[in-house]
Amino acid sequence: MKEAVVNGVTLEYETRGSGEPVILLHGGLLADENKPLVDQPALTDHYQVVNYHRRGFAGSTRTNAPTSIEEQAADCAALLRHLGLGPAHLIGHSLGGAIALQTVLAEPESVRSLTLLEPALMGQIAKAKAQGDPGAKQSQQQFTAAFDKVLEVARTGDKRAALMAFLESRAGDAFRGVLDFLTASGEMDQAVRDADTFLQIEMPAAFAWNFTAADAARIHRPVLSVLGAHSPQRAQMVHSVLSEWIPQTRLLVLDAAEHALPLMDPPGLASGVAHFLTRQSDPRVEVSAA
């Protein structure tokens, strides 16, 4: 992979294809989860696809310093400028989806559209909906309890077991299949190496980030929400609220997938996203004043 020095850190990146830029933002656990998408002709035959490791992951700059979703969004926009690319289509999975949302809020001129693969918004939505929606509050409490168990395992020093516990909490019934894939591909080994970043730096940033209906109302660009048919119920809850908060949100459901969307059906995901992107003709990003 190539390297770019931006925003005070070095980021590893790779590019494929040519055309309007598409930026892939991985989630908080698997640095290489987007690699299958980089090789999908549905995207690379029509777009310049940029896949990068966010700060703290794989060969990008490692740091023990706290980060924030805002800082990660600044990294994304800075990488685009470094590469000399115009407004980009952002595809963000899980925590990467939160970073994509923050990027369009902070630097709207850098974004053409958003594709959100089950973005990590459960905490933000639970806070916003707790008064009138007990289900949102209950889902967040369940996630928090599950993550507390992950941290309890991590404190024993067994990072692999901690990550397996997290995967089981996120993947549900598909856990064994996801784990087998990660083990065979070697991605689980990389995830263990990145575990400190994920558990100690990324998750606190995710819990601290604030995204409200007022923030969402400032986004007027095309949005695609992607769900796995076998994902936990909270993913559907997040989509429902996103559709309420951002009315132009469209939905794509992948029948053979759960939360690990980029890994479970890369051709289906790439094809669905490409179809969405071809419908976007206006490159301007319009975000109203705060």
Protein backbone atom coordinates (compact mmCIF):
# COMPACT_ATOMS: atom_id res chain seq x y z
CA MET A 1 0.00 0.00 0.00
CA LYS A 2 1.03 3.62 -0.52
CA GLU A 3 1.36 6.13 2.30
CA ALA A 4 0.07 9.67 2.77
CA VAL A 5 1.04 12.05 5.56
CA VAL A 6 -2.08 14.03 6.44
CA ASN A 7 -3.47 15.71 9.53
CA GLY A 8 -0.36 14.80 11.52
CA VAL A 9 -0.47 11.05 10.83
CA THR A 10 0.59 8.58 8.13
CA LEU A 11 -2.26 6.69 6.47
CA GLU A 12 -1.87 3.60 4.30
CA TYR A 13 -4.04 3.58 1.20
CA GLU A 14 -4.61 1.85 -2.12
CA THR A 15 -6.55 2.87 -5.21
CA ARG A 16 -8.29 0.99 -8.02
CA GLY A 17 -10.08 2.12 -11.16
CA SER A 18 -10.81 5.61 -12.47
CA GLY A 19 -13.72 8.02 -12.40
CA GLU A 20 -15.50 9.81 -9.58
CA PRO A 21 -13.78 8.99 -6.28
CA VAL A 22 -15.28 6.46 -3.88
CA ILE A 23 -13.77 6.35 -0.38
CA LEU A 24 -14.09 3.21 1.75
CA LEU A 25 -14.18 3.74 5.53
CA HIS A 26 -13.72 0.54 7.51
CA GLY A 27 -15.33 -0.12 10.86
CA GLY A 28 -13.69 -0.24 14.25
CA LEU A 29 -12.63 -3.88 14.27
CA LEU A 30 -11.34 -5.07 10.88
CA ALA A 31 -8.85 -2.90 9.03
CA ASP A 32 -9.03 -4.99 5.86
CA GLU A 33 -12.75 -5.67 5.74
CA ASN A 34 -13.12 -3.52 2.60
CA LYS A 35 -10.50 -5.36 0.56
CA PRO A 36 -13.14 -7.54 -1.16
CA LEU A 37 -14.87 -4.37 -2.41
CA VAL A 38 -11.67 -3.02 -3.94
CA ASP A 39 -11.71 -5.88 -6.45
CA GLN A 40 -15.36 -5.59 -7.50
CA PRO A 41 -15.73 -4.55 -11.18
CA ALA A 42 -19.14 -3.01 -10.46
CA LEU A 43 -17.21 -0.27 -8.65
CA THR A 44 -13.72 -0.23 -10.14
CA ASP A 45 -14.93 -0.23 -13.76
CA HIS A 46 -16.66 3.10 -13.18
CA TYR A 47 -15.10 4.78 -10.15
CA GLN A 48 -11.74 5.47 -8.56
CA VAL A 49 -11.97 3.44 -5.36
CA VAL A 50 -9.77 4.51 -2.45
CA ASN A 51 -9.38 2.10 0.46
CA TYR A 52 -7.34 3.21 3.47
CA HIS A 53 -6.41 2.14 6.97
CA ARG A 54 -7.60 4.68 9.50
CA ARG A 55 -5.22 5.98 12.18
CA GLY A 56 -4.28 3.27 14.64
CA PHE A 57 -4.93 0.37 12.25
CA ALA A 58 -2.52 -1.93 10.39
CA GLY A 59 0.40 0.13 9.03
CA SER A 60 -1.11 3.57 9.59
CA THR A 61 0.21 5.66 12.47
CA ARG A 62 -0.40 4.06 15.85
CA THR A 63 -0.97 6.29 18.81
CA ASN A 64 -2.07 5.90 22.40
CA ALA A 65 -3.60 9.36 22.34
CA PRO A 66 -7.40 9.66 22.42
CA THR A 67 -9.12 10.28 19.12
CA SER A 68 -12.60 11.44 18.15
CA ILE A 69 -15.05 10.93 15.32
CA GLU A 70 -14.39 14.56 14.38
CA GLU A 71 -10.64 13.91 14.09
CA GLN A 72 -11.24 10.81 11.99
CA ALA A 73 -13.50 12.80 9.67
CA ALA A 74 -10.74 15.40 9.32
CA ASP A 75 -8.35 12.59 8.35
CA CYS A 76 -10.72 11.46 5.61
CA ALA A 77 -11.12 14.94 4.14
CA ALA A 78 -7.38 15.60 4.39
CA LEU A 79 -6.61 12.38 2.51
CA LEU A 80 -8.94 13.46 -0.29
CA ARG A 81 -7.13 16.79 -0.56
CA HIS A 82 -3.74 15.07 -0.47
CA LEU A 83 -4.77 12.85 -3.39
CA GLY A 84 -6.14 15.81 -5.31
CA LEU A 85 -9.59 14.27 -5.55
CA GLY A 86 -12.81 16.19 -5.86
CA PRO A 87 -16.02 15.54 -3.93
CA ALA A 88 -16.24 11.82 -3.16
CA HIS A 89 -18.86 9.19 -2.55
CA LEU A 90 -18.25 7.92 0.99
CA ILE A 91 -18.99 4.31 1.90
CA GLY A 92 -18.72 3.75 5.65
CA HIS A 93 -19.30 0.56 7.61
CA SER A 94 -20.28 0.62 11.29
CA LEU A 95 -17.99 3.18 12.95
CA GLY A 96 -16.87 4.18 9.45
CA GLY A 97 -20.48 5.18 8.80
CA ALA A 98 -20.38 7.56 11.74
CA ILE A 99 -17.16 9.04 10.35
CA ALA A 100 -18.80 9.48 6.95
CA LEU A 101 -21.69 11.37 8.54
CA GLN A 102 -19.33 13.62 10.47
CA THR A 103 -17.32 14.30 7.31
CA VAL A 104 -20.31 15.63 5.39
CA LEU A 105 -21.25 17.81 8.37
CA ALA A 106 -17.75 19.22 8.88
CA GLU A 107 -16.52 19.46 5.29
CA PRO A 108 -19.54 19.28 2.97
CA GLU A 109 -17.55 20.33 -0.08
CA SER A 110 -15.65 17.03 0.10
CA VAL A 111 -18.69 14.73 -0.21
CA ARG A 112 -20.98 13.73 -3.11
CA SER A 113 -23.08 11.04 -1.42
CA LEU A 114 -23.18 8.76 1.61
CA THR A 115 -23.55 4.99 1.70
CA LEU A 116 -24.00 3.86 5.30
CA LEU A 117 -23.48 0.17 6.04
CA GLU A 118 -25.24 -0.28 9.39
CA PRO A 119 -23.60 2.82 10.89
CA ALA A 120 -22.65 2.82 14.58
CA LEU A 121 -25.41 5.14 15.77
CA MET A 122 -27.26 3.07 18.36
CA GLY A 123 -26.00 5.15 21.28
CA GLN A 124 -26.80 8.45 19.60
CA ILE A 125 -30.26 7.31 18.59
CA ALA A 126 -31.00 5.84 22.02
CA LYS A 127 -30.12 9.16 23.65
CA ALA A 128 -32.36 11.03 21.24
CA LYS A 129 -35.29 8.61 21.41
CA ALA A 130 -35.15 7.44 25.02
CA GLN A 131 -38.03 9.65 26.15
CA GLY A 132 -40.55 8.27 23.67
CA ASP A 133 -39.12 4.93 22.59
CA PRO A 134 -38.29 2.43 25.34
CA GLY A 135 -37.14 -0.04 22.68
CA ALA A 136 -34.27 2.24 21.66
CA LYS A 137 -33.17 2.61 25.26
CA GLN A 138 -33.37 -1.14 25.85
CA SER A 139 -31.31 -1.91 22.73
CA GLN A 140 -28.62 0.50 23.83
CA GLN A 141 -28.58 -0.99 27.32
CA GLN A 142 -28.14 -4.45 25.81
CA PHE A 143 -25.27 -3.26 23.63
CA THR A 144 -23.58 -1.49 26.55
CA ALA A 145 -23.90 -4.60 28.71
CA ALA A 146 -22.43 -6.76 25.93
CA PHE A 147 -19.52 -4.38 25.46
CA ASP A 148 -18.86 -4.30 29.21
CA LYS A 149 -18.43 -8.08 29.01
CA VAL A 150 -15.98 -7.61 26.12
CA LEU A 151 -13.93 -5.19 28.22
CA GLU A 152 -14.01 -7.62 31.13
CA VAL A 153 -12.47 -10.30 28.92
CA ALA A 154 -9.95 -7.81 27.51
CA ARG A 155 -8.73 -6.96 31.00
CA THR A 156 -7.54 -10.55 31.35
CA GLY A 157 -5.10 -9.88 28.51
CA ASP A 158 -6.77 -12.26 26.06
CA LYS A 159 -7.42 -9.90 23.15
CA ARG A 160 -8.51 -12.64 20.78
CA ALA A 161 -11.17 -13.85 23.21
CA ALA A 162 -12.34 -10.27 23.73
CA LEU A 163 -12.72 -9.71 19.99
CA MET A 164 -14.55 -13.02 19.60
CA ALA A 165 -16.96 -11.94 22.32
CA PHE A 166 -17.57 -8.67 20.48
CA LEU A 167 -18.11 -10.43 17.15
CA GLU A 168 -20.60 -12.78 18.75
CA SER A 169 -22.52 -9.83 20.18
CA ARG A 170 -22.64 -8.13 16.76
CA ALA A 171 -22.99 -11.06 14.36
CA GLY A 172 -25.53 -13.09 16.30
CA ASP A 173 -26.44 -16.37 14.62
CA ALA A 174 -23.90 -15.77 11.83
CA PHE A 175 -21.01 -15.56 14.32
CA ARG A 176 -19.44 -18.91 13.47
CA GLY A 177 -19.43 -18.26 9.74
CA VAL A 178 -17.91 -14.80 10.20
CA LEU A 179 -15.26 -16.16 12.55
CA ASP A 180 -14.34 -18.95 10.13
CA PHE A 181 -13.95 -16.43 7.32
CA LEU A 182 -11.80 -14.09 9.42
CA THR A 183 -9.59 -16.93 10.59
CA ALA A 184 -9.08 -18.35 7.09
CA SER A 185 -8.31 -14.93 5.59
CA GLY A 186 -5.89 -13.93 8.36
CA GLU A 187 -7.97 -10.88 9.22
CA MET A 188 -8.55 -12.09 12.76
CA ASP A 189 -4.79 -11.94 13.39
CA GLN A 190 -4.74 -8.32 12.19
CA ALA A 191 -7.75 -7.54 14.37
CA VAL A 192 -5.90 -8.87 17.42
CA ARG A 193 -2.94 -6.61 16.59
CA ASP A 194 -5.34 -3.67 16.32
CA ALA A 195 -7.35 -4.59 19.42
CA ASP A 196 -5.93 -1.86 21.64
CA THR A 197 -6.92 0.78 19.10
CA PHE A 198 -10.42 -0.60 18.85
CA LEU A 199 -11.10 -1.22 22.54
CA GLN A 200 -9.21 1.64 24.19
CA ILE A 201 -9.38 4.45 21.62
CA GLU A 202 -12.13 3.90 19.05
CA MET A 203 -14.98 2.76 21.27
CA PRO A 204 -14.63 5.66 23.73
CA ALA A 205 -14.69 8.00 20.72
CA ALA A 206 -17.85 6.32 19.43
CA PHE A 207 -19.62 6.67 22.77
CA ALA A 208 -18.56 10.33 23.08
CA TRP A 209 -19.70 11.40 19.61
CA ASN A 210 -22.97 13.30 19.38
CA PHE A 211 -25.27 13.08 16.35
CA THR A 212 -28.81 14.42 16.62
CA ALA A 213 -31.88 14.98 14.48
CA ALA A 214 -30.77 18.60 14.11
CA ASP A 215 -27.43 17.44 12.70
CA ALA A 216 -29.16 15.04 10.33
CA ALA A 217 -31.47 17.78 9.09
CA ARG A 218 -28.42 19.61 7.73
CA ILE A 219 -27.64 16.78 5.31
CA HIS A 220 -29.27 17.12 1.90
CA ARG A 221 -27.10 14.79 -0.13
CA PRO A 222 -28.19 11.35 -1.38
CA VAL A 223 -27.97 8.65 1.28
CA LEU A 224 -28.09 4.88 0.89
CA SER A 225 -28.65 2.76 4.00
CA VAL A 226 -27.53 -0.87 3.66
CA LEU A 227 -28.77 -3.64 5.96
CA GLY A 228 -28.09 -7.35 6.20
CA ALA A 229 -31.25 -9.45 6.25
CA HIS A 230 -29.82 -11.40 9.21
CA SER A 231 -28.50 -8.42 11.18
CA PRO A 232 -29.63 -7.74 14.77
CA GLN A 233 -32.85 -5.78 15.25
CA ARG A 234 -30.95 -2.69 16.34
CA ALA A 235 -29.66 -2.27 12.77
CA GLN A 236 -33.24 -1.95 11.52
CA MET A 237 -33.94 0.50 14.33
CA VAL A 238 -31.01 2.67 13.26
CA HIS A 239 -32.20 2.60 9.65
CA SER A 240 -35.74 3.56 10.65
CA VAL A 241 -34.52 6.59 12.56
CA LEU A 242 -32.11 7.59 9.79
CA SER A 243 -35.00 7.47 7.32
CA GLU A 244 -37.02 9.68 9.63
CA TRP A 245 -34.18 12.13 10.20
CA ILE A 246 -32.85 12.11 6.60
CA PRO A 247 -35.93 11.62 4.38
CA GLN A 248 -33.97 11.09 1.16
CA THR A 249 -32.43 7.90 2.57
CA ARG A 250 -32.87 4.85 0.36
CA LEU A 251 -32.64 1.23 1.52
CA LEU A 252 -30.66 -1.75 0.23
CA VAL A 253 -31.06 -5.13 1.97
CA LEU A 254 -28.52 -7.89 1.33
CA ASP A 255 -30.29 -11.22 1.75
CA ALA A 256 -27.16 -13.28 2.49
CA ALA A 257 -25.54 -10.93 4.99
CA GLU A 258 -25.51 -9.66 8.56
CA HIS A 259 -23.47 -6.86 10.16
CA ALA A 260 -20.18 -7.84 8.47
CA LEU A 261 -21.59 -6.54 5.18
CA PRO A 262 -18.36 -5.91 3.21
CA LEU A 263 -17.22 -9.47 3.88
CA MET A 264 -20.38 -11.49 3.43
CA ASP A 265 -21.63 -10.40 0.00
CA PRO A 266 -19.08 -8.16 -1.77
CA PRO A 267 -20.57 -8.61 -5.27
CA GLY A 268 -24.10 -7.89 -4.08
CA LEU A 269 -22.99 -4.90 -2.06
CA ALA A 270 -20.87 -3.47 -4.89
CA SER A 271 -23.67 -3.93 -7.42
CA GLY A 272 -26.28 -2.30 -5.19
CA VAL A 273 -24.03 0.62 -4.33
CA ALA A 274 -23.02 1.13 -7.97
CA HIS A 275 -26.70 1.26 -8.97
CA PHE A 276 -27.29 3.91 -6.32
CA LEU A 277 -24.26 5.95 -7.38
CA THR A 278 -25.24 6.03 -11.05
CA ARG A 279 -28.40 7.89 -10.05
CA GLN A 280 -26.44 10.74 -8.49
CA SER A 281 -25.76 13.48 -11.05
CA ASP A 282 -25.30 16.67 -9.03
CA PRO A 283 -21.77 16.76 -7.49
CA ARG A 284 -22.55 19.60 -5.11
CA VAL A 285 -22.87 18.89 -1.42
CA GLU A 286 -25.55 20.99 0.23
CA VAL A 287 -25.53 21.18 4.01
CA SER A 288 -27.47 24.02 5.58
CA ALA A 289 -25.90 26.30 8.13
CA ALA A 290 -25.75 25.04 11.69
